[in-house]
Amino acid sequence: MSLRINDVVPNFTAVTDQGTFHFHDWIGDSWAILFSHPKDFTPVCTTEFGAVAQLTDEWKKRGTKVMGVSVDGVEDHKKWKADIEQVAGAKAGFPIIADEDLAVSKAFDMLPAEAYLPDGRTPADSETVRSVFIIGPDKQLKLSMTYPMSVGRNFAEILRALDALQTTAKHGVVTPANWVVGQDVIIPPAVSNDDAKAKFGEYETLLPYLRKTALPS
């Protein structure tokens, strides 16, 4: 079954390199990012997990927890983190799920129900486990992205998208293409002109259905 925007994400109990977590309890009242990869000790994913480690302070500023997913085991995760930290120059303080039975990968529709890990497997056997899920405090999926193995994920874009999601949730606005914090936002079409004036004050009408206003303080 596909996982769609605004669906409540699966709840699960998972073993990680930092102990056992119940996913919804771990999220608590925070935002959360779950990011996956097909195998430890792979070059692209090492740089990606390093990028996540380097953004530790940024996740904290946004009240956001991060958790990795791998189909390898806990001991491999612990050894791999040394490589990640060497490359990134930052501590990888987030937990990584040991999804050896593929339960999480299947629950989040990254692998088909019949998938299994063959003996002598390679990353190609779980190559679709290359996704990012942004989850709100309501435990609903807010955004997902899936990448091929050959293309490193852009965590600056993931951070930008998180900012946009948090802004729209807080202020009842939507954001234009390429929006970053500090730029004007869009007033949703469902808001009447009178209500827009009362809520946002001055705004600019570019088209009858496209009205821009300054980001509320």
N, C-alpha and C. Protein backbone atom coordinates (compact mmCIF):
# COMPACT_ATOMS: atom_id res chain seq x y z
N MET A 1 0.84 -1.20 0.00
CA MET A 1 0.00 0.00 0.00
C MET A 1 0.88 1.24 0.00
N SER A 2 0.61 2.18 -0.90
CA SER A 2 1.43 3.37 -1.03
C SER A 2 1.22 4.30 0.15
N LEU A 3 2.27 5.01 0.50
CA LEU A 3 2.21 6.01 1.56
C LEU A 3 2.11 7.37 0.89
N ARG A 4 1.03 8.09 1.17
CA ARG A 4 0.75 9.35 0.49
C ARG A 4 0.85 10.52 1.46
N ILE A 5 0.98 11.72 0.89
CA ILE A 5 1.01 12.93 1.69
C ILE A 5 -0.24 12.99 2.57
N ASN A 6 -0.03 13.35 3.82
CA ASN A 6 -1.06 13.48 4.87
C ASN A 6 -1.51 12.14 5.45
N ASP A 7 -0.96 11.02 4.98
CA ASP A 7 -1.20 9.75 5.66
C ASP A 7 -0.43 9.74 6.98
N VAL A 8 -1.00 9.10 8.00
CA VAL A 8 -0.25 8.85 9.21
C VAL A 8 0.82 7.81 8.88
N VAL A 9 2.05 8.09 9.22
CA VAL A 9 3.14 7.18 8.87
C VAL A 9 3.07 5.92 9.74
N PRO A 10 3.61 4.81 9.24
CA PRO A 10 3.60 3.58 10.04
C PRO A 10 4.30 3.77 11.38
N ASN A 11 3.74 3.16 12.39
CA ASN A 11 4.40 3.11 13.69
C ASN A 11 5.11 1.77 13.77
N PHE A 12 6.29 1.74 14.32
CA PHE A 12 7.05 0.49 14.38
C PHE A 12 8.02 0.55 15.55
N THR A 13 8.49 -0.59 15.93
CA THR A 13 9.55 -0.70 16.92
C THR A 13 10.80 -1.16 16.19
N ALA A 14 11.88 -0.44 16.35
CA ALA A 14 13.08 -0.75 15.57
C ALA A 14 14.32 -0.71 16.45
N VAL A 15 15.23 -1.61 16.13
CA VAL A 15 16.54 -1.63 16.77
C VAL A 15 17.47 -0.70 15.99
N THR A 16 18.19 0.16 16.71
CA THR A 16 19.14 1.07 16.09
C THR A 16 20.50 0.94 16.78
N ASP A 17 21.47 1.66 16.28
CA ASP A 17 22.79 1.66 16.92
C ASP A 17 22.76 2.39 18.26
N GLN A 18 21.63 3.05 18.57
CA GLN A 18 21.49 3.75 19.85
C GLN A 18 20.40 3.14 20.73
N GLY A 19 20.02 1.91 20.43
CA GLY A 19 18.98 1.26 21.23
C GLY A 19 17.70 1.05 20.44
N THR A 20 16.65 0.64 21.15
CA THR A 20 15.36 0.34 20.53
C THR A 20 14.42 1.53 20.68
N PHE A 21 13.75 1.88 19.59
CA PHE A 21 12.83 3.01 19.59
C PHE A 21 11.46 2.58 19.08
N HIS A 22 10.40 3.17 19.69
CA HIS A 22 9.05 3.09 19.15
C HIS A 22 8.85 4.38 18.36
N PHE A 23 8.64 4.27 17.07
CA PHE A 23 8.80 5.42 16.17
C PHE A 23 7.92 6.61 16.54
N HIS A 24 6.62 6.40 16.74
CA HIS A 24 5.75 7.52 17.07
C HIS A 24 6.13 8.15 18.41
N ASP A 25 6.53 7.32 19.37
CA ASP A 25 6.97 7.85 20.66
C ASP A 25 8.25 8.66 20.49
N TRP A 26 9.15 8.18 19.62
CA TRP A 26 10.40 8.89 19.37
C TRP A 26 10.12 10.26 18.75
N ILE A 27 9.17 10.33 17.82
CA ILE A 27 8.82 11.62 17.21
C ILE A 27 8.30 12.58 18.27
N GLY A 28 7.39 12.08 19.12
CA GLY A 28 6.81 12.94 20.15
C GLY A 28 6.09 14.13 19.56
N ASP A 29 6.39 15.33 20.04
CA ASP A 29 5.78 16.56 19.54
C ASP A 29 6.67 17.28 18.55
N SER A 30 7.68 16.61 18.05
CA SER A 30 8.65 17.23 17.14
C SER A 30 8.28 16.97 15.68
N TRP A 31 8.96 17.68 14.79
CA TRP A 31 9.03 17.29 13.40
C TRP A 31 10.10 16.20 13.31
N ALA A 32 10.05 15.41 12.27
CA ALA A 32 11.02 14.32 12.13
C ALA A 32 11.36 14.09 10.66
N ILE A 33 12.58 13.64 10.44
CA ILE A 33 13.02 13.24 9.10
C ILE A 33 13.57 11.82 9.19
N LEU A 34 13.03 10.96 8.36
CA LEU A 34 13.51 9.59 8.23
C LEU A 34 14.18 9.49 6.86
N PHE A 35 15.45 9.12 6.84
CA PHE A 35 16.16 9.05 5.56
C PHE A 35 16.86 7.70 5.45
N SER A 36 16.80 7.12 4.27
CA SER A 36 17.22 5.72 4.11
C SER A 36 18.32 5.59 3.07
N HIS A 37 18.98 4.43 3.13
CA HIS A 37 19.98 4.12 2.11
C HIS A 37 20.13 2.60 2.01
N PRO A 38 20.64 2.11 0.87
CA PRO A 38 20.59 0.67 0.61
C PRO A 38 21.70 -0.17 1.25
N LYS A 39 22.76 0.46 1.74
CA LYS A 39 23.85 -0.34 2.30
C LYS A 39 24.87 0.56 2.98
N ASP A 40 25.44 0.07 4.09
CA ASP A 40 26.53 0.78 4.74
C ASP A 40 27.80 0.69 3.88
N PHE A 41 28.75 1.57 4.19
CA PHE A 41 30.07 1.58 3.52
C PHE A 41 29.93 1.76 2.01
N THR A 42 29.01 2.63 1.60
CA THR A 42 28.87 2.98 0.18
C THR A 42 29.23 4.46 0.02
N PRO A 43 29.83 4.85 -1.11
CA PRO A 43 30.42 6.19 -1.21
C PRO A 43 29.43 7.34 -1.16
N VAL A 44 28.37 7.27 -1.97
CA VAL A 44 27.42 8.38 -2.01
C VAL A 44 26.73 8.56 -0.67
N CYS A 45 26.29 7.45 -0.08
CA CYS A 45 25.57 7.53 1.19
C CYS A 45 26.46 8.00 2.33
N THR A 46 27.75 7.71 2.26
CA THR A 46 28.66 8.21 3.28
C THR A 46 28.69 9.73 3.27
N THR A 47 28.72 10.32 2.07
CA THR A 47 28.71 11.78 1.98
C THR A 47 27.36 12.34 2.43
N GLU A 48 26.28 11.63 2.15
CA GLU A 48 24.95 12.11 2.54
C GLU A 48 24.77 12.08 4.05
N PHE A 49 25.12 10.97 4.67
CA PHE A 49 24.99 10.89 6.12
C PHE A 49 25.91 11.91 6.78
N GLY A 50 27.05 12.19 6.14
CA GLY A 50 27.93 13.24 6.63
C GLY A 50 27.26 14.60 6.57
N ALA A 51 26.53 14.86 5.49
CA ALA A 51 25.82 16.13 5.35
C ALA A 51 24.77 16.29 6.45
N VAL A 52 24.08 15.21 6.77
CA VAL A 52 23.09 15.25 7.85
C VAL A 52 23.78 15.57 9.18
N ALA A 53 24.94 14.96 9.41
CA ALA A 53 25.69 15.22 10.64
C ALA A 53 26.12 16.69 10.73
N GLN A 54 26.54 17.25 9.61
CA GLN A 54 26.98 18.64 9.60
C GLN A 54 25.84 19.62 9.89
N LEU A 55 24.60 19.19 9.67
CA LEU A 55 23.43 20.05 9.88
C LEU A 55 22.79 19.87 11.24
N THR A 56 23.50 19.24 12.16
CA THR A 56 22.93 18.96 13.48
C THR A 56 22.31 20.20 14.13
N ASP A 57 23.02 21.31 14.12
CA ASP A 57 22.50 22.53 14.75
C ASP A 57 21.27 23.05 14.03
N GLU A 58 21.22 22.88 12.70
CA GLU A 58 20.07 23.36 11.93
C GLU A 58 18.82 22.53 12.24
N TRP A 59 18.98 21.22 12.39
CA TRP A 59 17.82 20.41 12.76
C TRP A 59 17.29 20.84 14.12
N LYS A 60 18.21 21.08 15.06
CA LYS A 60 17.80 21.47 16.42
C LYS A 60 17.05 22.81 16.40
N LYS A 61 17.54 23.77 15.61
CA LYS A 61 16.86 25.07 15.52
C LYS A 61 15.41 24.92 15.08
N ARG A 62 15.14 23.91 14.28
CA ARG A 62 13.82 23.71 13.71
C ARG A 62 13.00 22.68 14.49
N GLY A 63 13.50 22.26 15.64
CA GLY A 63 12.76 21.30 16.45
C GLY A 63 12.52 19.99 15.73
N THR A 64 13.53 19.53 15.00
CA THR A 64 13.38 18.38 14.12
C THR A 64 14.37 17.27 14.50
N LYS A 65 13.85 16.06 14.64
CA LYS A 65 14.69 14.89 14.91
C LYS A 65 14.99 14.18 13.59
N VAL A 66 16.15 13.57 13.50
CA VAL A 66 16.50 12.82 12.29
C VAL A 66 16.89 11.39 12.67
N MET A 67 16.51 10.47 11.81
CA MET A 67 16.82 9.05 12.01
C MET A 67 17.11 8.42 10.65
N GLY A 68 18.19 7.65 10.57
CA GLY A 68 18.52 6.95 9.35
C GLY A 68 17.93 5.55 9.32
N VAL A 69 17.88 4.99 8.13
CA VAL A 69 17.45 3.61 7.94
C VAL A 69 18.47 2.92 7.05
N SER A 70 18.88 1.72 7.44
CA SER A 70 19.76 0.91 6.61
C SER A 70 19.34 -0.55 6.74
N VAL A 71 19.57 -1.32 5.71
CA VAL A 71 19.23 -2.74 5.78
C VAL A 71 20.41 -3.56 6.32
N ASP A 72 21.44 -2.88 6.80
CA ASP A 72 22.54 -3.57 7.48
C ASP A 72 22.32 -3.57 8.98
N GLY A 73 23.22 -4.24 9.71
CA GLY A 73 23.04 -4.43 11.13
C GLY A 73 23.68 -3.37 12.00
N VAL A 74 23.40 -3.45 13.29
CA VAL A 74 23.86 -2.46 14.26
C VAL A 74 25.38 -2.35 14.28
N GLU A 75 26.09 -3.47 14.30
CA GLU A 75 27.55 -3.40 14.38
C GLU A 75 28.15 -2.72 13.15
N ASP A 76 27.58 -2.98 11.99
CA ASP A 76 28.04 -2.29 10.79
C ASP A 76 27.78 -0.79 10.91
N HIS A 77 26.62 -0.42 11.44
CA HIS A 77 26.30 1.01 11.61
C HIS A 77 27.35 1.70 12.47
N LYS A 78 27.70 1.06 13.58
CA LYS A 78 28.65 1.67 14.50
C LYS A 78 30.02 1.87 13.83
N LYS A 79 30.45 0.87 13.06
CA LYS A 79 31.74 0.98 12.36
C LYS A 79 31.66 2.04 11.26
N TRP A 80 30.54 2.06 10.55
CA TRP A 80 30.39 2.99 9.43
C TRP A 80 30.38 4.44 9.91
N LYS A 81 29.82 4.67 11.09
CA LYS A 81 29.76 6.04 11.59
C LYS A 81 31.15 6.65 11.75
N ALA A 82 32.14 5.83 12.03
CA ALA A 82 33.51 6.35 12.12
C ALA A 82 33.94 6.91 10.77
N ASP A 83 33.58 6.22 9.69
CA ASP A 83 33.90 6.72 8.34
C ASP A 83 33.13 8.00 8.05
N ILE A 84 31.84 8.00 8.40
CA ILE A 84 30.99 9.18 8.16
C ILE A 84 31.58 10.40 8.86
N GLU A 85 31.96 10.22 10.12
CA GLU A 85 32.48 11.34 10.90
C GLU A 85 33.84 11.80 10.38
N GLN A 86 34.63 10.88 9.88
CA GLN A 86 35.92 11.25 9.30
C GLN A 86 35.73 12.12 8.06
N VAL A 87 34.79 11.73 7.21
CA VAL A 87 34.54 12.48 5.97
C VAL A 87 33.88 13.82 6.27
N ALA A 88 32.92 13.82 7.21
CA ALA A 88 32.13 15.02 7.47
C ALA A 88 32.81 16.00 8.41
N GLY A 89 33.71 15.49 9.26
CA GLY A 89 34.28 16.36 10.28
C GLY A 89 33.24 16.78 11.31
N ALA A 90 32.23 15.92 11.50
CA ALA A 90 31.14 16.21 12.44
C ALA A 90 30.64 14.91 13.03
N LYS A 91 30.12 14.98 14.23
CA LYS A 91 29.62 13.79 14.90
C LYS A 91 28.27 13.38 14.32
N ALA A 92 28.13 12.10 14.01
CA ALA A 92 26.85 11.57 13.52
C ALA A 92 26.04 11.08 14.72
N GLY A 93 25.37 12.00 15.39
CA GLY A 93 24.70 11.69 16.64
C GLY A 93 23.31 11.12 16.50
N PHE A 94 22.83 10.97 15.29
CA PHE A 94 21.48 10.46 15.05
C PHE A 94 21.49 8.93 15.02
N PRO A 95 20.37 8.28 15.39
CA PRO A 95 20.31 6.82 15.32
C PRO A 95 20.10 6.33 13.89
N ILE A 96 20.57 5.12 13.62
CA ILE A 96 20.34 4.46 12.33
C ILE A 96 19.65 3.13 12.59
N ILE A 97 18.51 2.94 11.99
CA ILE A 97 17.75 1.70 12.15
C ILE A 97 18.46 0.55 11.45
N ALA A 98 18.52 -0.59 12.11
CA ALA A 98 19.04 -1.82 11.51
C ALA A 98 17.86 -2.59 10.94
N ASP A 99 17.51 -2.28 9.69
CA ASP A 99 16.31 -2.85 9.06
C ASP A 99 16.65 -4.14 8.32
N GLU A 100 17.25 -5.08 9.02
CA GLU A 100 17.71 -6.30 8.37
C GLU A 100 16.57 -7.18 7.87
N ASP A 101 15.40 -7.08 8.50
CA ASP A 101 14.25 -7.87 8.03
C ASP A 101 13.41 -7.09 7.01
N LEU A 102 13.85 -5.88 6.67
CA LEU A 102 13.20 -5.02 5.67
C LEU A 102 11.81 -4.54 6.09
N ALA A 103 11.47 -4.67 7.36
CA ALA A 103 10.12 -4.30 7.81
C ALA A 103 9.84 -2.82 7.61
N VAL A 104 10.79 -1.96 7.94
CA VAL A 104 10.58 -0.52 7.79
C VAL A 104 10.59 -0.14 6.30
N SER A 105 11.52 -0.70 5.55
CA SER A 105 11.59 -0.41 4.12
C SER A 105 10.30 -0.78 3.40
N LYS A 106 9.69 -1.87 3.80
CA LYS A 106 8.43 -2.29 3.18
C LYS A 106 7.27 -1.46 3.68
N ALA A 107 7.26 -1.13 4.97
CA ALA A 107 6.17 -0.34 5.53
C ALA A 107 6.09 1.04 4.88
N PHE A 108 7.25 1.59 4.51
CA PHE A 108 7.29 2.90 3.86
C PHE A 108 7.32 2.79 2.34
N ASP A 109 7.00 1.61 1.82
CA ASP A 109 6.83 1.39 0.39
C ASP A 109 8.11 1.64 -0.40
N MET A 110 9.27 1.42 0.24
CA MET A 110 10.53 1.54 -0.47
C MET A 110 10.91 0.23 -1.16
N LEU A 111 10.35 -0.87 -0.69
CA LEU A 111 10.58 -2.18 -1.27
C LEU A 111 9.25 -2.92 -1.37
N PRO A 112 9.07 -3.78 -2.38
CA PRO A 112 7.84 -4.56 -2.48
C PRO A 112 7.76 -5.60 -1.36
N ALA A 113 6.55 -6.06 -1.10
CA ALA A 113 6.31 -6.99 0.01
C ALA A 113 7.12 -8.27 -0.12
N GLU A 114 7.39 -8.69 -1.36
CA GLU A 114 8.10 -9.95 -1.58
C GLU A 114 9.62 -9.79 -1.58
N ALA A 115 10.13 -8.61 -1.36
CA ALA A 115 11.58 -8.37 -1.40
C ALA A 115 12.29 -9.14 -0.29
N TYR A 116 13.52 -9.56 -0.58
CA TYR A 116 14.35 -10.22 0.42
C TYR A 116 15.81 -9.90 0.11
N LEU A 117 16.68 -10.16 1.08
CA LEU A 117 18.10 -9.91 0.89
C LEU A 117 18.80 -11.22 0.56
N PRO A 118 19.30 -11.37 -0.65
CA PRO A 118 19.98 -12.62 -1.01
C PRO A 118 21.37 -12.71 -0.39
N ASP A 119 21.91 -13.89 -0.34
CA ASP A 119 23.29 -14.06 0.11
C ASP A 119 24.21 -13.30 -0.84
N GLY A 120 25.23 -12.67 -0.27
CA GLY A 120 26.17 -11.93 -1.10
C GLY A 120 25.55 -10.74 -1.79
N ARG A 121 24.55 -10.17 -1.19
CA ARG A 121 23.81 -9.07 -1.82
C ARG A 121 24.71 -7.86 -2.07
N THR A 122 24.29 -6.99 -2.96
CA THR A 122 24.95 -5.73 -3.25
C THR A 122 23.93 -4.61 -3.03
N PRO A 123 24.35 -3.34 -3.06
CA PRO A 123 23.38 -2.26 -2.91
C PRO A 123 22.26 -2.30 -3.94
N ALA A 124 22.52 -2.90 -5.09
CA ALA A 124 21.49 -2.97 -6.13
C ALA A 124 20.27 -3.77 -5.69
N ASP A 125 20.46 -4.67 -4.72
CA ASP A 125 19.32 -5.48 -4.26
C ASP A 125 18.34 -4.67 -3.43
N SER A 126 18.77 -3.51 -2.94
CA SER A 126 17.86 -2.65 -2.16
C SER A 126 18.01 -1.19 -2.60
N GLU A 127 18.21 -0.99 -3.89
CA GLU A 127 18.54 0.34 -4.40
C GLU A 127 17.41 1.34 -4.23
N THR A 128 16.16 0.90 -4.11
CA THR A 128 15.07 1.86 -3.93
C THR A 128 14.95 2.35 -2.50
N VAL A 129 15.79 1.84 -1.61
CA VAL A 129 15.82 2.36 -0.24
C VAL A 129 16.73 3.59 -0.24
N ARG A 130 16.25 4.63 -0.93
CA ARG A 130 17.01 5.87 -1.12
C ARG A 130 16.03 7.04 -1.01
N SER A 131 15.31 7.11 0.09
CA SER A 131 14.23 8.07 0.24
C SER A 131 14.41 8.96 1.46
N VAL A 132 13.69 10.08 1.42
CA VAL A 132 13.61 11.00 2.55
C VAL A 132 12.14 11.24 2.84
N PHE A 133 11.78 11.16 4.11
CA PHE A 133 10.40 11.42 4.54
C PHE A 133 10.42 12.50 5.61
N ILE A 134 9.68 13.58 5.38
CA ILE A 134 9.51 14.62 6.40
C ILE A 134 8.14 14.41 7.04
N ILE A 135 8.12 14.31 8.36
CA ILE A 135 6.93 13.94 9.11
C ILE A 135 6.62 15.02 10.14
N GLY A 136 5.35 15.40 10.24
CA GLY A 136 4.96 16.44 11.18
C GLY A 136 4.72 15.90 12.58
N PRO A 137 4.54 16.80 13.54
CA PRO A 137 4.24 16.37 14.91
C PRO A 137 2.94 15.57 15.02
N ASP A 138 2.07 15.73 14.03
CA ASP A 138 0.83 14.95 13.99
C ASP A 138 1.04 13.55 13.44
N LYS A 139 2.30 13.19 13.17
CA LYS A 139 2.70 11.88 12.66
C LYS A 139 2.28 11.65 11.21
N GLN A 140 1.90 12.72 10.53
CA GLN A 140 1.50 12.61 9.12
C GLN A 140 2.68 12.90 8.20
N LEU A 141 2.71 12.22 7.06
CA LEU A 141 3.75 12.45 6.06
C LEU A 141 3.49 13.79 5.39
N LYS A 142 4.49 14.66 5.42
CA LYS A 142 4.36 15.98 4.82
C LYS A 142 5.06 16.08 3.47
N LEU A 143 6.11 15.29 3.27
CA LEU A 143 6.87 15.36 2.02
C LEU A 143 7.72 14.10 1.91
N SER A 144 7.90 13.62 0.68
CA SER A 144 8.81 12.51 0.45
C SER A 144 9.58 12.73 -0.85
N MET A 145 10.80 12.26 -0.87
CA MET A 145 11.66 12.34 -2.06
C MET A 145 12.40 11.02 -2.20
N THR A 146 12.54 10.53 -3.43
CA THR A 146 13.29 9.31 -3.69
C THR A 146 14.31 9.56 -4.78
N TYR A 147 15.53 9.14 -4.52
CA TYR A 147 16.66 9.39 -5.42
C TYR A 147 17.22 8.06 -5.94
N PRO A 148 17.84 8.08 -7.12
CA PRO A 148 18.59 6.91 -7.58
C PRO A 148 19.93 6.82 -6.85
N MET A 149 20.58 5.68 -6.94
CA MET A 149 21.84 5.50 -6.23
C MET A 149 22.95 6.41 -6.73
N SER A 150 22.85 6.84 -7.98
CA SER A 150 23.95 7.61 -8.59
C SER A 150 23.92 9.09 -8.25
N VAL A 151 22.85 9.56 -7.64
CA VAL A 151 22.69 11.00 -7.40
C VAL A 151 22.59 11.27 -5.90
N GLY A 152 23.56 12.01 -5.37
CA GLY A 152 23.54 12.37 -3.95
C GLY A 152 22.39 13.31 -3.63
N ARG A 153 21.78 13.09 -2.49
CA ARG A 153 20.66 13.93 -2.07
C ARG A 153 21.13 15.32 -1.67
N ASN A 154 20.29 16.32 -1.96
CA ASN A 154 20.61 17.71 -1.66
C ASN A 154 19.95 18.07 -0.32
N PHE A 155 20.73 18.01 0.75
CA PHE A 155 20.15 18.27 2.06
C PHE A 155 19.91 19.75 2.31
N ALA A 156 20.51 20.62 1.51
CA ALA A 156 20.13 22.03 1.57
C ALA A 156 18.69 22.20 1.10
N GLU A 157 18.29 21.46 0.08
CA GLU A 157 16.91 21.50 -0.39
C GLU A 157 15.96 20.89 0.64
N ILE A 158 16.40 19.81 1.28
CA ILE A 158 15.55 19.20 2.31
C ILE A 158 15.34 20.18 3.46
N LEU A 159 16.39 20.91 3.83
CA LEU A 159 16.27 21.92 4.87
C LEU A 159 15.34 23.05 4.42
N ARG A 160 15.46 23.47 3.17
CA ARG A 160 14.59 24.51 2.63
C ARG A 160 13.14 24.06 2.64
N ALA A 161 12.90 22.80 2.23
CA ALA A 161 11.54 22.27 2.21
C ALA A 161 10.97 22.18 3.62
N LEU A 162 11.81 21.80 4.58
CA LEU A 162 11.37 21.76 5.98
C LEU A 162 10.96 23.15 6.45
N ASP A 163 11.75 24.17 6.11
CA ASP A 163 11.39 25.55 6.46
C ASP A 163 10.03 25.93 5.87
N ALA A 164 9.83 25.56 4.61
CA ALA A 164 8.57 25.89 3.95
C ALA A 164 7.40 25.17 4.62
N LEU A 165 7.56 23.91 4.93
CA LEU A 165 6.50 23.15 5.58
C LEU A 165 6.15 23.73 6.94
N GLN A 166 7.17 24.08 7.71
CA GLN A 166 6.91 24.64 9.03
C GLN A 166 6.27 26.02 8.93
N THR A 167 6.66 26.79 7.93
CA THR A 167 6.10 28.13 7.74
C THR A 167 4.63 28.05 7.33
N THR A 168 4.33 27.17 6.39
CA THR A 168 2.94 27.06 5.94
C THR A 168 2.04 26.52 7.05
N ALA A 169 2.56 25.61 7.85
CA ALA A 169 1.77 25.06 8.96
C ALA A 169 1.50 26.12 10.02
N LYS A 170 2.47 26.98 10.26
CA LYS A 170 2.34 27.99 11.32
C LYS A 170 1.47 29.16 10.92
N HIS A 171 1.60 29.61 9.66
CA HIS A 171 0.98 30.87 9.26
C HIS A 171 -0.21 30.72 8.31
N GLY A 172 -0.52 29.52 7.86
CA GLY A 172 -1.65 29.36 6.96
C GLY A 172 -1.43 29.98 5.60
N VAL A 173 -0.20 29.93 5.11
CA VAL A 173 0.16 30.45 3.79
C VAL A 173 0.70 29.30 2.95
N VAL A 174 1.03 29.60 1.69
CA VAL A 174 1.75 28.65 0.84
C VAL A 174 2.96 29.38 0.28
N THR A 175 3.93 28.64 -0.26
CA THR A 175 5.17 29.27 -0.71
C THR A 175 5.37 29.11 -2.21
N PRO A 176 5.95 30.11 -2.85
CA PRO A 176 6.21 30.03 -4.29
C PRO A 176 7.45 29.20 -4.60
N ALA A 177 7.70 29.03 -5.88
CA ALA A 177 8.88 28.29 -6.33
C ALA A 177 10.15 28.92 -5.76
N ASN A 178 11.06 28.05 -5.34
CA ASN A 178 12.39 28.46 -4.88
C ASN A 178 12.36 29.33 -3.62
N TRP A 179 11.27 29.32 -2.90
CA TRP A 179 11.13 30.17 -1.71
C TRP A 179 12.14 29.80 -0.64
N VAL A 180 12.66 30.84 0.02
CA VAL A 180 13.50 30.65 1.21
C VAL A 180 13.00 31.62 2.28
N VAL A 181 13.35 31.32 3.52
CA VAL A 181 12.89 32.13 4.65
C VAL A 181 13.25 33.60 4.44
N GLY A 182 12.27 34.46 4.67
CA GLY A 182 12.46 35.90 4.51
C GLY A 182 11.79 36.45 3.28
N GLN A 183 11.51 35.60 2.30
CA GLN A 183 10.85 36.05 1.08
C GLN A 183 9.34 36.09 1.26
N ASP A 184 8.66 36.77 0.31
CA ASP A 184 7.20 36.84 0.35
C ASP A 184 6.58 35.47 0.19
N VAL A 185 5.39 35.32 0.73
CA VAL A 185 4.64 34.08 0.63
C VAL A 185 3.35 34.34 -0.14
N ILE A 186 2.64 33.27 -0.45
CA ILE A 186 1.40 33.35 -1.22
C ILE A 186 0.21 33.14 -0.29
N ILE A 187 -0.83 33.93 -0.49
CA ILE A 187 -2.08 33.76 0.24
C ILE A 187 -2.90 32.68 -0.46
N PRO A 188 -3.34 31.66 0.25
CA PRO A 188 -4.10 30.58 -0.40
C PRO A 188 -5.37 31.11 -1.07
N PRO A 189 -5.74 30.57 -2.23
CA PRO A 189 -6.94 31.02 -2.94
C PRO A 189 -8.22 30.91 -2.11
N ALA A 190 -8.27 29.97 -1.16
CA ALA A 190 -9.48 29.80 -0.34
C ALA A 190 -9.72 30.97 0.60
N VAL A 191 -8.71 31.82 0.82
CA VAL A 191 -8.86 32.98 1.70
C VAL A 191 -9.40 34.15 0.88
N SER A 192 -10.52 34.72 1.31
CA SER A 192 -11.13 35.84 0.58
C SER A 192 -10.25 37.07 0.68
N ASN A 193 -10.49 38.05 -0.19
CA ASN A 193 -9.72 39.29 -0.14
C ASN A 193 -9.90 40.00 1.19
N ASP A 194 -11.13 40.02 1.69
CA ASP A 194 -11.39 40.68 2.97
C ASP A 194 -10.64 39.98 4.11
N ASP A 195 -10.70 38.65 4.11
CA ASP A 195 -10.00 37.90 5.16
C ASP A 195 -8.49 38.05 5.01
N ALA A 196 -8.02 38.12 3.76
CA ALA A 196 -6.58 38.30 3.53
C ALA A 196 -6.13 39.65 4.08
N LYS A 197 -6.94 40.69 3.85
CA LYS A 197 -6.61 42.02 4.35
C LYS A 197 -6.57 42.04 5.88
N ALA A 198 -7.56 41.35 6.48
CA ALA A 198 -7.63 41.33 7.95
C ALA A 198 -6.47 40.54 8.55
N LYS A 199 -6.08 39.47 7.90
CA LYS A 199 -5.06 38.60 8.46
C LYS A 199 -3.65 39.05 8.14
N PHE A 200 -3.43 39.51 6.90
CA PHE A 200 -2.07 39.79 6.45
C PHE A 200 -1.79 41.27 6.23
N GLY A 201 -2.81 42.10 6.23
CA GLY A 201 -2.59 43.51 5.93
C GLY A 201 -2.43 43.73 4.44
N GLU A 202 -1.41 44.48 4.05
CA GLU A 202 -1.21 44.77 2.64
C GLU A 202 -0.72 43.52 1.90
N TYR A 203 -1.18 43.38 0.67
CA TYR A 203 -0.71 42.29 -0.18
C TYR A 203 -0.75 42.74 -1.63
N GLU A 204 -0.06 42.01 -2.48
CA GLU A 204 0.03 42.34 -3.91
C GLU A 204 -0.73 41.30 -4.71
N THR A 205 -1.61 41.77 -5.60
CA THR A 205 -2.37 40.87 -6.47
C THR A 205 -1.69 40.82 -7.83
N LEU A 206 -1.08 39.67 -8.15
CA LEU A 206 -0.43 39.49 -9.45
C LEU A 206 -1.40 38.94 -10.48
N LEU A 207 -2.27 38.06 -10.03
CA LEU A 207 -3.36 37.48 -10.82
C LEU A 207 -4.53 37.32 -9.86
N PRO A 208 -5.75 37.17 -10.36
CA PRO A 208 -6.88 37.01 -9.43
C PRO A 208 -6.68 35.89 -8.42
N TYR A 209 -5.89 34.88 -8.79
CA TYR A 209 -5.68 33.72 -7.91
C TYR A 209 -4.26 33.69 -7.32
N LEU A 210 -3.46 34.74 -7.57
CA LEU A 210 -2.08 34.77 -7.08
C LEU A 210 -1.84 36.10 -6.35
N ARG A 211 -1.83 35.99 -5.03
CA ARG A 211 -1.64 37.16 -4.17
C ARG A 211 -0.44 36.92 -3.26
N LYS A 212 0.49 37.85 -3.26
CA LYS A 212 1.68 37.72 -2.45
C LYS A 212 1.64 38.70 -1.28
N THR A 213 2.25 38.28 -0.17
CA THR A 213 2.34 39.14 1.00
C THR A 213 3.64 38.84 1.73
N ALA A 214 4.04 39.76 2.59
CA ALA A 214 5.23 39.55 3.39
C ALA A 214 4.97 38.43 4.40
N LEU A 215 6.01 37.70 4.71
CA LEU A 215 5.90 36.64 5.70
C LEU A 215 5.49 37.22 7.04
N PRO A 216 4.39 36.73 7.63
CA PRO A 216 3.99 37.26 8.95
C PRO A 216 5.11 37.10 9.96
N SER A 217 5.24 38.09 10.82
CA SER A 217 6.30 38.03 11.84
C SER A 217 5.86 37.19 13.02
